[in-house]
Amino acid sequence: MEVALKRIGLDGLYVTAAGRLDLDSAVEYGTKIKDFIEDSEEAILDVTLDFSEITFISSFGLKVILEIYKQLKAQNGALKLKNVSEQLKNSFKMVGFDKFLVFE
């Protein structure tokens, strides 16, 4: 899975990827995002994950999203998911993520 990270403004990060967020790809996806946040000289507090080309998310992918959310929340940051298909949105709702995640 190819993951593209783009800094937006002073404290923002926009993430795009394509394909499936399953056991193999979710590790790479999460690691790249977490490392970028931790290694950034300026604090990143506003992360947007673009799901327009994500076709599937496994329970492991959901775990990675939760880890990113917790990392940002600990820094008073925010995580937004953009362009999430209804099928994927239902996966987030089934596990209760819709209670704390922001969907645009």
N, C-alpha and C. Protein backbone atom coordinates (compact mmCIF):
# COMPACT_ATOMS: atom_id res chain seq x y z
N MET A 1 0.84 -1.17 0.00
CA MET A 1 0.00 0.00 0.00
C MET A 1 0.89 1.24 0.00
N GLU A 2 0.58 2.15 -0.89
CA GLU A 2 1.30 3.41 -0.94
C GLU A 2 0.56 4.43 -0.09
N VAL A 3 1.27 5.05 0.83
CA VAL A 3 0.69 6.04 1.74
C VAL A 3 1.35 7.38 1.45
N ALA A 4 0.52 8.40 1.19
CA ALA A 4 1.04 9.74 0.93
C ALA A 4 0.68 10.64 2.11
N LEU A 5 1.69 11.32 2.65
CA LEU A 5 1.52 12.22 3.78
C LEU A 5 1.84 13.63 3.33
N LYS A 6 0.93 14.56 3.61
CA LYS A 6 1.15 15.95 3.19
C LYS A 6 0.87 16.88 4.37
N ARG A 7 1.86 17.67 4.69
CA ARG A 7 1.71 18.65 5.77
C ARG A 7 0.77 19.75 5.30
N ILE A 8 -0.19 20.12 6.15
CA ILE A 8 -1.15 21.18 5.83
C ILE A 8 -1.06 22.25 6.91
N GLY A 9 -0.66 23.45 6.52
CA GLY A 9 -0.56 24.55 7.48
C GLY A 9 0.47 24.25 8.56
N LEU A 10 0.27 24.87 9.71
CA LEU A 10 1.22 24.73 10.81
C LEU A 10 1.10 23.41 11.55
N ASP A 11 -0.13 22.93 11.74
CA ASP A 11 -0.30 21.76 12.60
C ASP A 11 -1.14 20.65 11.98
N GLY A 12 -1.27 20.64 10.65
CA GLY A 12 -2.12 19.67 9.99
C GLY A 12 -1.37 18.63 9.18
N LEU A 13 -2.00 17.49 9.01
CA LEU A 13 -1.48 16.40 8.19
C LEU A 13 -2.63 15.79 7.42
N TYR A 14 -2.44 15.62 6.11
CA TYR A 14 -3.44 15.00 5.25
C TYR A 14 -2.86 13.71 4.71
N VAL A 15 -3.58 12.60 4.91
CA VAL A 15 -3.07 11.27 4.56
C VAL A 15 -3.98 10.64 3.51
N THR A 16 -3.38 10.17 2.42
CA THR A 16 -4.11 9.41 1.41
C THR A 16 -3.45 8.05 1.24
N ALA A 17 -4.28 7.08 0.87
CA ALA A 17 -3.80 5.73 0.60
C ALA A 17 -4.86 5.04 -0.26
N ALA A 18 -4.48 3.94 -0.87
CA ALA A 18 -5.42 3.20 -1.71
C ALA A 18 -5.31 1.72 -1.39
N GLY A 19 -6.45 1.04 -1.46
CA GLY A 19 -6.45 -0.40 -1.27
C GLY A 19 -7.12 -0.83 0.01
N ARG A 20 -6.59 -1.89 0.58
CA ARG A 20 -7.16 -2.52 1.77
C ARG A 20 -6.32 -2.20 3.01
N LEU A 21 -7.01 -1.86 4.09
CA LEU A 21 -6.33 -1.70 5.38
C LEU A 21 -6.53 -3.01 6.14
N ASP A 22 -5.69 -3.98 5.83
CA ASP A 22 -5.78 -5.27 6.50
C ASP A 22 -4.52 -5.48 7.33
N LEU A 23 -4.30 -6.67 7.81
CA LEU A 23 -3.19 -6.94 8.72
C LEU A 23 -1.86 -6.43 8.19
N ASP A 24 -1.54 -6.73 6.95
CA ASP A 24 -0.24 -6.34 6.39
C ASP A 24 -0.14 -4.84 6.14
N SER A 25 -1.11 -4.28 5.48
CA SER A 25 -1.01 -2.87 5.08
C SER A 25 -1.28 -1.91 6.24
N ALA A 26 -2.09 -2.30 7.19
CA ALA A 26 -2.42 -1.41 8.31
C ALA A 26 -1.19 -1.11 9.16
N VAL A 27 -0.29 -2.06 9.29
CA VAL A 27 0.93 -1.84 10.06
C VAL A 27 1.75 -0.73 9.41
N GLU A 28 1.96 -0.84 8.11
CA GLU A 28 2.71 0.18 7.38
C GLU A 28 2.01 1.54 7.46
N TYR A 29 0.71 1.54 7.25
CA TYR A 29 -0.11 2.75 7.28
C TYR A 29 0.03 3.46 8.64
N GLY A 30 -0.21 2.72 9.69
CA GLY A 30 -0.14 3.29 11.02
C GLY A 30 1.25 3.76 11.40
N THR A 31 2.25 2.97 11.07
CA THR A 31 3.64 3.32 11.40
C THR A 31 4.06 4.61 10.71
N LYS A 32 3.73 4.74 9.44
CA LYS A 32 4.11 5.95 8.71
C LYS A 32 3.47 7.19 9.32
N ILE A 33 2.19 7.09 9.68
CA ILE A 33 1.48 8.24 10.25
C ILE A 33 2.03 8.57 11.63
N LYS A 34 2.15 7.57 12.49
CA LYS A 34 2.64 7.81 13.86
C LYS A 34 4.06 8.35 13.85
N ASP A 35 4.93 7.79 13.02
CA ASP A 35 6.31 8.26 12.94
C ASP A 35 6.37 9.71 12.44
N PHE A 36 5.54 10.03 11.46
CA PHE A 36 5.52 11.40 10.92
C PHE A 36 5.10 12.38 12.02
N ILE A 37 4.09 12.02 12.80
CA ILE A 37 3.62 12.88 13.88
C ILE A 37 4.72 13.05 14.93
N GLU A 38 5.34 11.95 15.33
CA GLU A 38 6.36 12.00 16.37
C GLU A 38 7.63 12.71 15.92
N ASP A 39 8.00 12.56 14.66
CA ASP A 39 9.25 13.13 14.16
C ASP A 39 9.13 14.57 13.68
N SER A 40 7.92 15.08 13.63
CA SER A 40 7.71 16.43 13.12
C SER A 40 8.25 17.47 14.11
N GLU A 41 8.95 18.45 13.58
CA GLU A 41 9.48 19.52 14.43
C GLU A 41 8.36 20.35 15.03
N GLU A 42 7.34 20.64 14.25
CA GLU A 42 6.16 21.36 14.73
C GLU A 42 5.10 20.33 15.10
N ALA A 43 4.39 20.57 16.18
CA ALA A 43 3.36 19.63 16.63
C ALA A 43 2.26 19.48 15.57
N ILE A 44 1.87 18.25 15.34
CA ILE A 44 0.75 17.96 14.43
C ILE A 44 -0.45 17.64 15.30
N LEU A 45 -1.49 18.47 15.17
CA LEU A 45 -2.67 18.31 16.01
C LEU A 45 -3.95 18.04 15.22
N ASP A 46 -3.89 18.19 13.92
CA ASP A 46 -5.08 18.03 13.09
C ASP A 46 -4.75 17.07 11.94
N VAL A 47 -5.23 15.83 12.05
CA VAL A 47 -4.93 14.82 11.04
C VAL A 47 -6.22 14.44 10.31
N THR A 48 -6.16 14.45 8.99
CA THR A 48 -7.28 14.03 8.15
C THR A 48 -6.84 12.81 7.36
N LEU A 49 -7.61 11.73 7.50
CA LEU A 49 -7.37 10.50 6.74
C LEU A 49 -8.37 10.45 5.60
N ASP A 50 -7.89 10.49 4.38
CA ASP A 50 -8.75 10.43 3.20
C ASP A 50 -8.97 8.96 2.84
N PHE A 51 -10.22 8.52 2.95
CA PHE A 51 -10.56 7.12 2.69
C PHE A 51 -11.19 6.93 1.31
N SER A 52 -11.05 7.90 0.42
CA SER A 52 -11.72 7.81 -0.88
C SER A 52 -11.27 6.60 -1.69
N GLU A 53 -10.04 6.09 -1.45
CA GLU A 53 -9.57 4.94 -2.21
C GLU A 53 -9.29 3.72 -1.33
N ILE A 54 -9.79 3.74 -0.11
CA ILE A 54 -9.69 2.58 0.78
C ILE A 54 -10.93 1.72 0.52
N THR A 55 -10.72 0.46 0.20
CA THR A 55 -11.83 -0.42 -0.18
C THR A 55 -12.26 -1.37 0.92
N PHE A 56 -11.42 -1.55 1.94
CA PHE A 56 -11.71 -2.52 2.99
C PHE A 56 -10.92 -2.15 4.24
N ILE A 57 -11.51 -2.41 5.40
CA ILE A 57 -10.78 -2.23 6.65
C ILE A 57 -11.05 -3.43 7.55
N SER A 58 -9.99 -4.04 8.03
CA SER A 58 -10.11 -5.19 8.93
C SER A 58 -10.12 -4.71 10.37
N SER A 59 -10.30 -5.65 11.29
CA SER A 59 -10.26 -5.29 12.71
C SER A 59 -8.89 -4.73 13.08
N PHE A 60 -7.86 -5.22 12.44
CA PHE A 60 -6.52 -4.69 12.71
C PHE A 60 -6.40 -3.25 12.20
N GLY A 61 -7.00 -2.99 11.05
CA GLY A 61 -7.02 -1.62 10.53
C GLY A 61 -7.77 -0.68 11.47
N LEU A 62 -8.87 -1.17 12.04
CA LEU A 62 -9.61 -0.37 13.01
C LEU A 62 -8.76 -0.09 14.25
N LYS A 63 -7.99 -1.07 14.67
CA LYS A 63 -7.10 -0.90 15.82
C LYS A 63 -6.07 0.20 15.55
N VAL A 64 -5.52 0.22 14.35
CA VAL A 64 -4.54 1.23 13.98
C VAL A 64 -5.17 2.63 14.01
N ILE A 65 -6.38 2.76 13.50
CA ILE A 65 -7.09 4.04 13.52
C ILE A 65 -7.29 4.49 14.97
N LEU A 66 -7.67 3.56 15.83
CA LEU A 66 -7.86 3.87 17.25
C LEU A 66 -6.55 4.34 17.89
N GLU A 67 -5.44 3.70 17.57
CA GLU A 67 -4.15 4.11 18.11
C GLU A 67 -3.78 5.53 17.68
N ILE A 68 -4.04 5.85 16.43
CA ILE A 68 -3.76 7.20 15.93
C ILE A 68 -4.64 8.21 16.65
N TYR A 69 -5.92 7.88 16.81
CA TYR A 69 -6.86 8.74 17.53
C TYR A 69 -6.36 9.01 18.95
N LYS A 70 -5.95 7.95 19.65
CA LYS A 70 -5.48 8.10 21.03
C LYS A 70 -4.21 8.95 21.11
N GLN A 71 -3.31 8.75 20.15
CA GLN A 71 -2.07 9.53 20.11
C GLN A 71 -2.40 11.02 19.97
N LEU A 72 -3.32 11.35 19.08
CA LEU A 72 -3.69 12.75 18.87
C LEU A 72 -4.46 13.32 20.06
N LYS A 73 -5.37 12.52 20.61
CA LYS A 73 -6.17 12.99 21.74
C LYS A 73 -5.28 13.31 22.93
N ALA A 74 -4.22 12.54 23.15
CA ALA A 74 -3.29 12.79 24.24
C ALA A 74 -2.58 14.14 24.09
N GLN A 75 -2.52 14.63 22.86
CA GLN A 75 -1.89 15.93 22.57
C GLN A 75 -2.93 17.02 22.33
N ASN A 76 -4.20 16.74 22.68
CA ASN A 76 -5.32 17.66 22.42
C ASN A 76 -5.50 17.91 20.93
N GLY A 77 -5.22 16.89 20.12
CA GLY A 77 -5.37 16.99 18.68
C GLY A 77 -6.70 16.39 18.23
N ALA A 78 -6.90 16.36 16.91
CA ALA A 78 -8.15 15.86 16.34
C ALA A 78 -7.86 14.97 15.13
N LEU A 79 -8.68 13.94 14.99
CA LEU A 79 -8.60 13.04 13.84
C LEU A 79 -9.91 13.10 13.09
N LYS A 80 -9.82 13.32 11.77
CA LYS A 80 -11.00 13.35 10.91
C LYS A 80 -10.84 12.32 9.81
N LEU A 81 -11.94 11.69 9.43
CA LEU A 81 -11.94 10.77 8.31
C LEU A 81 -12.79 11.38 7.20
N LYS A 82 -12.24 11.41 6.01
CA LYS A 82 -12.89 12.07 4.89
C LYS A 82 -13.18 11.05 3.79
N ASN A 83 -14.28 11.23 3.09
CA ASN A 83 -14.65 10.41 1.94
C ASN A 83 -14.76 8.92 2.29
N VAL A 84 -15.39 8.64 3.41
CA VAL A 84 -15.56 7.25 3.85
C VAL A 84 -16.81 6.67 3.20
N SER A 85 -16.67 5.52 2.53
CA SER A 85 -17.82 4.88 1.89
C SER A 85 -18.81 4.41 2.95
N GLU A 86 -20.04 4.20 2.55
CA GLU A 86 -21.07 3.72 3.49
C GLU A 86 -20.69 2.36 4.07
N GLN A 87 -20.12 1.51 3.25
CA GLN A 87 -19.70 0.18 3.72
C GLN A 87 -18.67 0.31 4.84
N LEU A 88 -17.67 1.15 4.63
CA LEU A 88 -16.65 1.33 5.66
C LEU A 88 -17.21 2.07 6.87
N LYS A 89 -18.08 3.03 6.63
CA LYS A 89 -18.70 3.76 7.75
C LYS A 89 -19.47 2.79 8.65
N ASN A 90 -20.11 1.79 8.04
CA ASN A 90 -20.82 0.79 8.82
C ASN A 90 -19.87 -0.02 9.69
N SER A 91 -18.68 -0.30 9.19
CA SER A 91 -17.67 -1.00 9.99
C SER A 91 -17.29 -0.18 11.21
N PHE A 92 -17.11 1.12 11.02
CA PHE A 92 -16.78 2.00 12.15
C PHE A 92 -17.95 2.06 13.15
N LYS A 93 -19.16 2.11 12.63
CA LYS A 93 -20.33 2.18 13.50
C LYS A 93 -20.52 0.90 14.31
N MET A 94 -20.25 -0.26 13.69
CA MET A 94 -20.43 -1.54 14.39
C MET A 94 -19.58 -1.63 15.65
N VAL A 95 -18.43 -1.01 15.65
CA VAL A 95 -17.54 -1.08 16.82
C VAL A 95 -17.61 0.19 17.67
N GLY A 96 -18.52 1.09 17.33
CA GLY A 96 -18.75 2.28 18.15
C GLY A 96 -17.81 3.45 17.88
N PHE A 97 -17.02 3.37 16.83
CA PHE A 97 -16.07 4.44 16.53
C PHE A 97 -16.79 5.72 16.11
N ASP A 98 -18.01 5.61 15.64
CA ASP A 98 -18.75 6.79 15.22
C ASP A 98 -19.08 7.70 16.41
N LYS A 99 -18.91 7.21 17.62
CA LYS A 99 -19.18 8.01 18.83
C LYS A 99 -18.08 9.04 19.08
N PHE A 100 -16.86 8.79 18.57
CA PHE A 100 -15.77 9.72 18.85
C PHE A 100 -15.01 10.18 17.61
N LEU A 101 -15.17 9.51 16.48
CA LEU A 101 -14.50 9.95 15.27
C LEU A 101 -15.35 10.95 14.51
N VAL A 102 -14.71 11.84 13.81
CA VAL A 102 -15.40 12.85 13.00
C VAL A 102 -15.32 12.41 11.54
N PHE A 103 -16.48 12.30 10.89
CA PHE A 103 -16.55 11.93 9.47
C PHE A 103 -16.94 13.16 8.68
N GLU A 104 -16.18 13.44 7.62
CA GLU A 104 -16.49 14.58 6.76
C GLU A 104 -16.95 14.08 5.41
